[in-house]
Amino acid sequence: MLTIFNEKDIQEFVAPREGETKLGECVAVIDSKKELQSALENSTATFVILGVPEDIGVRMNGGNGGAHTAFIPALKSFLNTQQNQFIDGNDILVLGYLDCLDDVYSFDASDREKGDLLVKAIDKELSKLIKTIVESDKIPIIIGGGHNNAYGNIKGLSEGKNQPVNVINLDAHTDLRRLEERHSGNGFSYALQEGFIQNYFMFGLHENYTPQYIFEMIHDSLNLEYNTFEELEVYQSTSFEGELQRAESFIENTPFGIEIDLDCVQHFPSSAMTPSGFTPQQARRFTHYFGKLQNASYLHICEGAPAVVKDEIANGQVGKYISYLISDFIKAKSN
């Protein structure tokens, strides 16, 4: 299921320019003939980029398809970023992607039983991969795909660290829906139920799209905390910077994952595009702030869906913005 990129694959994405060096000319790949964990352990890179191009979980949750189209534009844009004093491509390994595109193209969202099985199959493969990367003392950067993949990331990190872990999620939604068929709305519910999460902070929830039963669940638990977009940007009863600090105190005591659902960024092409949300700069600030913390252990950027905008320029902008978030995280961790 894992398709591994080789040097030739990477170079096909890179547009060299005389007198300049692009990240894609410096990043590492692994030898697919070698056992994965030993190949990762022998690499001197710190960061491992992995794609999960699928939208099955999104469609299972009633969202718009297209999240499978973000990884390649994001990777292409990132590999054409300048190698300079701020970022070193030699510290980055591009692993490849989980290839479930045949299932994506053939899947009918009305087939709930099949969708459940497909998402659970991705869960299994992804969690195993994240565990292997973490046990190799590397930091995964996962480009989705739907937010259903938070479960695989969290489980993999938890098993790789052999302990429950924390999560910070920049998102309009909690993804704490009921334990029914697996989809993009209940990845955190399953991770909590199975003991992989210790503390979970939801940053920027939209009051209009969070059911009351979920607010009650949060209020009844010492391990769940949140703020709302309205508190931050509409009522202005609290500040963005102050809430970054409050969230840090809730999750920084143990290894944690950073989850970014691009649904929360205003006008961003995604599975649940919003006319009212955080600015692109706020999401970058969020990524940098939590990325610089010692216990930050992975970055997951999900639900970007350039396919929902039938415009070639907009498609390129989606990849370019995800590339900014990847480089922001790497710079934060490296400095």
Protein backbone atom coordinates (compact mmCIF):
# COMPACT_ATOMS: atom_id res chain seq x y z
CA MET A 1 0.00 0.00 0.00
CA LEU A 2 3.00 2.32 0.57
CA THR A 3 4.44 3.72 -2.66
CA ILE A 4 8.04 4.80 -2.01
CA PHE A 5 9.54 7.68 -3.98
CA ASN A 6 12.99 7.30 -5.52
CA GLU A 7 15.39 10.02 -6.63
CA LYS A 8 13.97 10.05 -10.17
CA ASP A 9 10.42 10.54 -8.84
CA ILE A 10 11.55 13.55 -6.82
CA GLN A 11 13.47 15.15 -9.69
CA GLU A 12 10.36 15.04 -11.89
CA PHE A 13 8.76 17.53 -9.49
CA VAL A 14 11.71 19.94 -9.37
CA ALA A 15 12.30 22.86 -11.75
CA PRO A 16 16.03 23.67 -11.38
CA ARG A 17 17.29 27.20 -11.92
CA GLU A 18 20.89 28.20 -12.53
CA GLY A 19 22.57 29.74 -9.49
CA GLU A 20 19.86 28.50 -7.11
CA THR A 21 19.31 25.34 -5.08
CA LYS A 22 15.82 23.96 -4.49
CA LEU A 23 14.90 21.73 -1.55
CA GLY A 24 14.07 18.95 -4.00
CA GLU A 25 17.71 18.86 -5.09
CA CYS A 26 18.77 18.11 -1.50
CA VAL A 27 16.05 15.96 0.13
CA ALA A 28 16.69 12.32 0.90
CA VAL A 29 14.80 9.22 -0.23
CA ILE A 30 15.15 5.63 0.96
CA ASP A 31 16.18 2.49 -0.85
CA SER A 32 12.93 0.56 -1.35
CA LYS A 33 14.88 -2.71 -1.40
CA LYS A 34 15.84 -2.29 2.25
CA GLU A 35 13.70 -2.95 5.30
CA LEU A 36 11.82 0.28 6.06
CA GLN A 37 12.73 0.77 9.71
CA SER A 38 16.46 0.17 9.21
CA ALA A 39 16.45 2.43 6.13
CA LEU A 40 14.84 5.19 8.19
CA GLU A 41 17.17 4.66 11.13
CA ASN A 42 20.20 4.91 8.84
CA SER A 43 19.01 8.23 7.40
CA THR A 44 20.45 11.42 8.88
CA ALA A 45 17.23 13.33 8.11
CA THR A 46 14.95 14.47 10.95
CA PHE A 47 11.67 14.97 9.07
CA VAL A 48 9.77 12.38 7.02
CA ILE A 49 7.11 13.53 4.55
CA LEU A 50 4.26 11.11 3.86
CA GLY A 51 1.14 11.59 1.73
CA VAL A 52 -2.27 10.03 2.35
CA PRO A 53 -4.22 11.04 -0.78
CA GLU A 54 -7.77 9.87 -0.06
CA ASP A 55 -11.21 11.36 0.56
CA ILE A 56 -13.18 8.28 1.57
CA GLY A 57 -13.49 9.35 5.22
CA VAL A 58 -14.64 12.82 4.15
CA ARG A 59 -17.37 11.45 1.89
CA MET A 60 -18.41 8.98 4.61
CA ASN A 61 -18.94 12.05 6.83
CA GLY A 62 -21.09 13.87 4.25
CA GLY A 63 -18.34 16.26 3.13
CA ASN A 64 -17.31 17.25 -0.37
CA GLY A 65 -14.78 14.97 -2.04
CA GLY A 66 -11.44 16.13 -3.40
CA ALA A 67 -9.08 15.83 -0.41
CA HIS A 68 -7.11 13.20 -2.35
CA THR A 69 -5.91 15.94 -4.73
CA ALA A 70 -3.83 18.04 -2.30
CA PHE A 71 -0.70 15.95 -1.73
CA ILE A 72 1.02 16.16 -5.12
CA PRO A 73 0.54 19.95 -5.58
CA ALA A 74 1.77 20.48 -2.01
CA LEU A 75 4.81 18.27 -2.51
CA LYS A 76 5.67 19.86 -5.84
CA SER A 77 5.49 23.35 -4.35
CA PHE A 78 7.53 22.33 -1.32
CA LEU A 79 10.28 20.68 -3.37
CA ASN A 80 10.65 23.90 -5.37
CA THR A 81 11.16 25.97 -2.23
CA GLN A 82 14.57 27.62 -2.02
CA GLN A 83 17.30 25.89 -0.04
CA ASN A 84 18.84 28.74 1.98
CA GLN A 85 19.95 29.84 5.43
CA PHE A 86 16.43 29.28 6.82
CA ILE A 87 15.78 25.67 5.77
CA ASP A 88 17.98 22.69 4.90
CA GLY A 89 16.69 20.03 2.52
CA ASN A 90 19.32 17.58 3.77
CA ASP A 91 17.28 17.27 6.97
CA ILE A 92 14.18 16.13 5.07
CA LEU A 93 13.30 12.68 3.75
CA VAL A 94 10.42 12.28 1.28
CA LEU A 95 9.07 8.80 1.89
CA GLY A 96 6.11 8.50 -0.50
CA TYR A 97 2.38 7.95 -0.08
CA LEU A 98 -0.24 5.42 0.92
CA ASP A 99 -1.72 4.39 -2.40
CA CYS A 100 -5.46 3.93 -2.00
CA LEU A 101 -6.48 5.82 -5.15
CA ASP A 102 -8.16 2.82 -6.78
CA ASP A 103 -10.49 2.64 -3.78
CA VAL A 104 -11.01 6.42 -3.86
CA TYR A 105 -12.14 6.37 -7.49
CA SER A 106 -14.36 3.29 -7.20
CA PHE A 107 -15.95 4.07 -3.82
CA ASP A 108 -19.67 4.86 -3.56
CA ALA A 109 -20.39 6.81 -0.35
CA SER A 110 -23.80 5.13 -0.02
CA ASP A 111 -22.00 1.84 0.74
CA ARG A 112 -21.48 2.46 4.45
CA GLU A 113 -20.15 -1.00 5.21
CA LYS A 114 -17.48 -0.84 2.52
CA GLY A 115 -16.54 2.73 3.49
CA ASP A 116 -16.07 1.67 7.10
CA LEU A 117 -13.81 -1.18 6.04
CA LEU A 118 -11.76 1.03 3.70
CA VAL A 119 -11.18 3.75 6.33
CA LYS A 120 -10.21 1.11 8.90
CA ALA A 121 -7.75 -0.41 6.39
CA ILE A 122 -6.14 3.02 5.97
CA ASP A 123 -6.11 3.43 9.77
CA LYS A 124 -4.17 0.18 10.09
CA GLU A 125 -1.57 0.99 7.43
CA LEU A 126 -1.08 4.59 8.52
CA SER A 127 -0.71 3.86 12.23
CA LYS A 128 1.84 1.17 11.46
CA LEU A 129 3.83 3.58 9.28
CA ILE A 130 3.73 6.42 11.82
CA LYS A 131 4.84 4.03 14.57
CA THR A 132 7.80 2.93 12.41
CA ILE A 133 8.80 6.54 11.65
CA VAL A 134 8.53 7.56 15.32
CA GLU A 135 10.47 4.51 16.51
CA SER A 136 13.19 5.49 14.01
CA ASP A 137 13.51 8.78 15.93
CA LYS A 138 12.06 10.83 13.04
CA ILE A 139 9.27 13.42 12.94
CA PRO A 140 6.42 12.61 10.51
CA ILE A 141 4.82 15.31 8.36
CA ILE A 142 1.60 13.89 6.97
CA ILE A 143 -0.27 15.51 4.09
CA GLY A 144 -3.86 14.32 3.67
CA GLY A 145 -6.39 13.30 2.81
CA GLY A 146 -9.28 13.51 5.22
CA HIS A 147 -9.21 14.20 8.94
CA ASN A 148 -10.13 10.58 9.56
CA ASN A 149 -6.35 10.05 9.34
CA ALA A 150 -5.85 11.80 12.69
CA TYR A 151 -6.66 8.43 14.26
CA GLY A 152 -3.80 6.64 12.50
CA ASN A 153 -1.38 9.46 13.36
CA ILE A 154 -2.35 9.47 17.03
CA LYS A 155 -2.32 5.69 17.39
CA GLY A 156 1.05 5.47 15.61
CA LEU A 157 2.60 8.18 17.79
CA SER A 158 1.16 6.62 20.96
CA GLU A 159 2.45 3.14 20.10
CA GLY A 160 5.79 4.54 18.92
CA LYS A 161 6.25 6.38 22.23
CA ASN A 162 4.60 3.57 24.22
CA GLN A 163 2.31 5.98 26.09
CA PRO A 164 -0.88 8.02 25.61
CA VAL A 165 -0.13 11.29 23.79
CA ASN A 166 -1.62 14.77 23.51
CA VAL A 167 -3.10 16.53 20.48
CA ILE A 168 -3.67 20.15 19.46
CA ASN A 169 -6.17 20.60 16.63
CA LEU A 170 -6.73 23.82 14.66
CA ASP A 171 -10.20 23.10 13.34
CA ALA A 172 -13.74 24.39 12.95
CA HIS A 173 -14.96 20.97 14.15
CA THR A 174 -14.15 18.67 17.09
CA ASP A 175 -14.23 15.40 15.10
CA LEU A 176 -15.60 13.85 18.29
CA ARG A 177 -18.74 12.45 16.70
CA ARG A 178 -20.26 9.17 17.81
CA LEU A 179 -18.52 5.80 17.52
CA GLU A 180 -20.30 4.63 14.38
CA GLU A 181 -18.76 3.78 11.01
CA ARG A 182 -15.27 5.24 10.70
CA HIS A 183 -15.21 8.60 8.95
CA SER A 184 -13.54 12.01 9.11
CA GLY A 185 -15.77 13.17 11.96
CA ASN A 186 -14.83 10.58 14.61
CA GLY A 187 -11.08 9.95 14.42
CA PHE A 188 -10.50 11.61 17.79
CA SER A 189 -13.48 9.79 19.35
CA TYR A 190 -11.94 6.43 18.50
CA ALA A 191 -8.44 7.49 19.59
CA LEU A 192 -9.85 8.63 22.95
CA GLN A 193 -11.93 5.50 23.44
CA GLU A 194 -8.94 3.26 22.73
CA GLY A 195 -6.66 5.12 25.16
CA PHE A 196 -4.23 6.67 22.68
CA ILE A 197 -5.03 10.27 23.75
CA GLN A 198 -4.27 11.81 27.11
CA ASN A 199 -5.21 15.49 26.50
CA TYR A 200 -6.92 16.97 23.44
CA PHE A 201 -7.23 20.73 22.79
CA MET A 202 -9.58 21.99 20.04
CA PHE A 203 -8.57 25.44 18.81
CA GLY A 204 -11.09 27.67 17.03
CA LEU A 205 -14.28 25.59 17.03
CA HIS A 206 -17.21 27.12 15.18
CA GLU A 207 -20.18 27.42 17.52
CA ASN A 208 -22.62 26.96 14.62
CA TYR A 209 -21.25 23.51 13.73
CA THR A 210 -20.64 21.85 17.10
CA PRO A 211 -23.53 19.72 18.46
CA GLN A 212 -24.57 20.27 22.08
CA TYR A 213 -23.87 16.63 23.01
CA ILE A 214 -20.22 17.21 22.08
CA PHE A 215 -19.97 20.38 24.18
CA GLU A 216 -21.41 18.38 27.09
CA MET A 217 -18.85 15.61 26.51
CA ILE A 218 -16.03 18.17 26.58
CA HIS A 219 -17.34 19.88 29.72
CA ASP A 220 -17.58 16.52 31.50
CA SER A 221 -13.94 15.61 30.81
CA LEU A 222 -10.74 16.96 32.36
CA ASN A 223 -8.84 15.71 29.31
CA LEU A 224 -10.69 17.82 26.74
CA GLU A 225 -10.38 21.58 26.30
CA TYR A 226 -11.31 24.10 23.60
CA ASN A 227 -11.91 27.65 22.53
CA THR A 228 -14.22 28.94 19.81
CA PHE A 229 -13.54 31.02 16.74
CA GLU A 230 -16.25 33.40 17.88
CA GLU A 231 -14.53 34.00 21.26
CA LEU A 232 -11.30 34.81 19.43
CA GLU A 233 -12.45 36.78 16.39
CA VAL A 234 -16.08 37.87 16.81
CA TYR A 235 -16.69 38.60 20.52
CA GLN A 236 -12.95 39.10 21.10
CA SER A 237 -13.40 37.95 24.69
CA THR A 238 -9.97 36.36 24.54
CA SER A 239 -6.86 36.80 22.40
CA PHE A 240 -5.27 34.52 19.82
CA GLU A 241 -1.85 34.83 21.48
CA GLY A 242 -3.28 34.21 24.96
CA GLU A 243 -5.07 31.10 23.76
CA LEU A 244 -1.89 29.76 22.15
CA GLN A 245 -0.30 29.95 25.58
CA ARG A 246 -3.30 28.34 27.33
CA ALA A 247 -3.34 25.49 24.83
CA GLU A 248 0.42 25.02 25.24
CA SER A 249 0.05 24.55 28.99
CA PHE A 250 -2.61 21.88 28.34
CA ILE A 251 -0.62 19.73 25.88
CA GLU A 252 3.10 20.44 26.22
CA ASN A 253 3.86 18.03 29.08
CA THR A 254 4.09 14.92 26.86
CA PRO A 255 4.67 14.08 23.17
CA PHE A 256 1.91 15.66 21.09
CA GLY A 257 0.69 15.88 17.52
CA ILE A 258 -0.25 19.04 15.64
CA GLU A 259 -3.41 18.66 13.55
CA ILE A 260 -4.42 21.35 11.05
CA ASP A 261 -7.73 21.05 9.24
CA LEU A 262 -7.72 23.51 6.35
CA ASP A 263 -11.51 23.85 6.72
CA CYS A 264 -10.72 26.44 9.38
CA VAL A 265 -8.93 28.84 6.98
CA GLN A 266 -11.22 31.44 5.38
CA HIS A 267 -12.04 30.76 1.71
CA PHE A 268 -9.55 27.87 1.52
CA PRO A 269 -10.53 25.15 -1.00
CA SER A 270 -11.40 22.26 1.30
CA SER A 271 -14.01 19.62 2.04
CA ALA A 272 -16.05 22.10 4.13
CA MET A 273 -14.95 25.48 2.76
CA THR A 274 -15.85 28.40 5.02
CA PRO A 275 -16.56 32.09 4.30
CA SER A 276 -15.57 32.94 7.89
CA GLY A 277 -12.40 31.55 9.43
CA PHE A 278 -8.82 32.13 10.46
CA THR A 279 -6.50 33.99 8.13
CA PRO A 280 -3.71 32.07 6.39
CA GLN A 281 -1.24 34.00 8.56
CA GLN A 282 -2.95 32.89 11.79
CA ALA A 283 -2.69 29.25 10.76
CA ARG A 284 1.01 29.75 9.96
CA ARG A 285 1.53 31.43 13.35
CA PHE A 286 -0.21 28.47 15.03
CA THR A 287 2.05 26.00 13.19
CA HIS A 288 5.21 27.87 14.14
CA TYR A 289 4.15 28.36 17.77
CA PHE A 290 3.49 24.69 18.48
CA GLY A 291 6.21 23.41 16.15
CA LYS A 292 8.93 25.05 18.24
CA LEU A 293 7.90 23.16 21.38
CA GLN A 294 10.17 20.30 22.32
CA ASN A 295 7.40 17.67 22.52
CA ALA A 296 5.90 18.45 19.09
CA SER A 297 6.09 15.03 17.46
CA TYR A 298 4.22 15.24 14.16
CA LEU A 299 2.40 17.64 11.84
CA HIS A 300 -0.75 16.63 9.96
CA ILE A 301 -2.25 18.97 7.33
CA CYS A 302 -5.57 17.69 6.04
CA GLU A 303 -8.80 18.36 4.13
CA GLY A 304 -7.23 20.64 1.52
CA ALA A 305 -9.14 19.94 -1.68
CA PRO A 306 -7.95 21.83 -4.75
CA ALA A 307 -10.36 19.74 -6.83
CA VAL A 308 -13.35 21.66 -5.39
CA VAL A 309 -12.14 24.77 -7.24
CA LYS A 310 -12.11 24.27 -11.01
CA ASP A 311 -9.27 26.71 -11.48
CA GLU A 312 -5.65 25.90 -12.24
CA ILE A 313 -4.30 28.98 -10.45
CA ALA A 314 -6.31 28.18 -7.31
CA ASN A 315 -5.03 24.59 -7.42
CA GLY A 316 -1.46 25.89 -7.37
CA GLN A 317 -2.27 28.19 -4.47
CA VAL A 318 -3.49 25.25 -2.36
CA GLY A 319 -0.19 23.43 -2.86
CA LYS A 320 1.80 26.59 -2.20
CA TYR A 321 0.00 27.33 1.07
CA ILE A 322 0.42 23.77 2.39
CA SER A 323 4.10 24.11 1.46
CA TYR A 324 4.32 27.23 3.66
CA LEU A 325 2.89 25.29 6.62
CA ILE A 326 5.38 22.43 6.10
CA SER A 327 8.35 24.81 5.97
CA ASP A 328 7.04 26.80 8.97
CA PHE A 329 6.97 23.60 11.04
CA ILE A 330 10.43 22.47 9.92
CA LYS A 331 11.95 25.90 10.62
CA ALA A 332 10.32 26.00 14.06
CA LYS A 333 11.63 22.55 15.00
CA SER A 334 15.09 23.24 13.58
CA ASN A 335 15.78 26.54 15.36
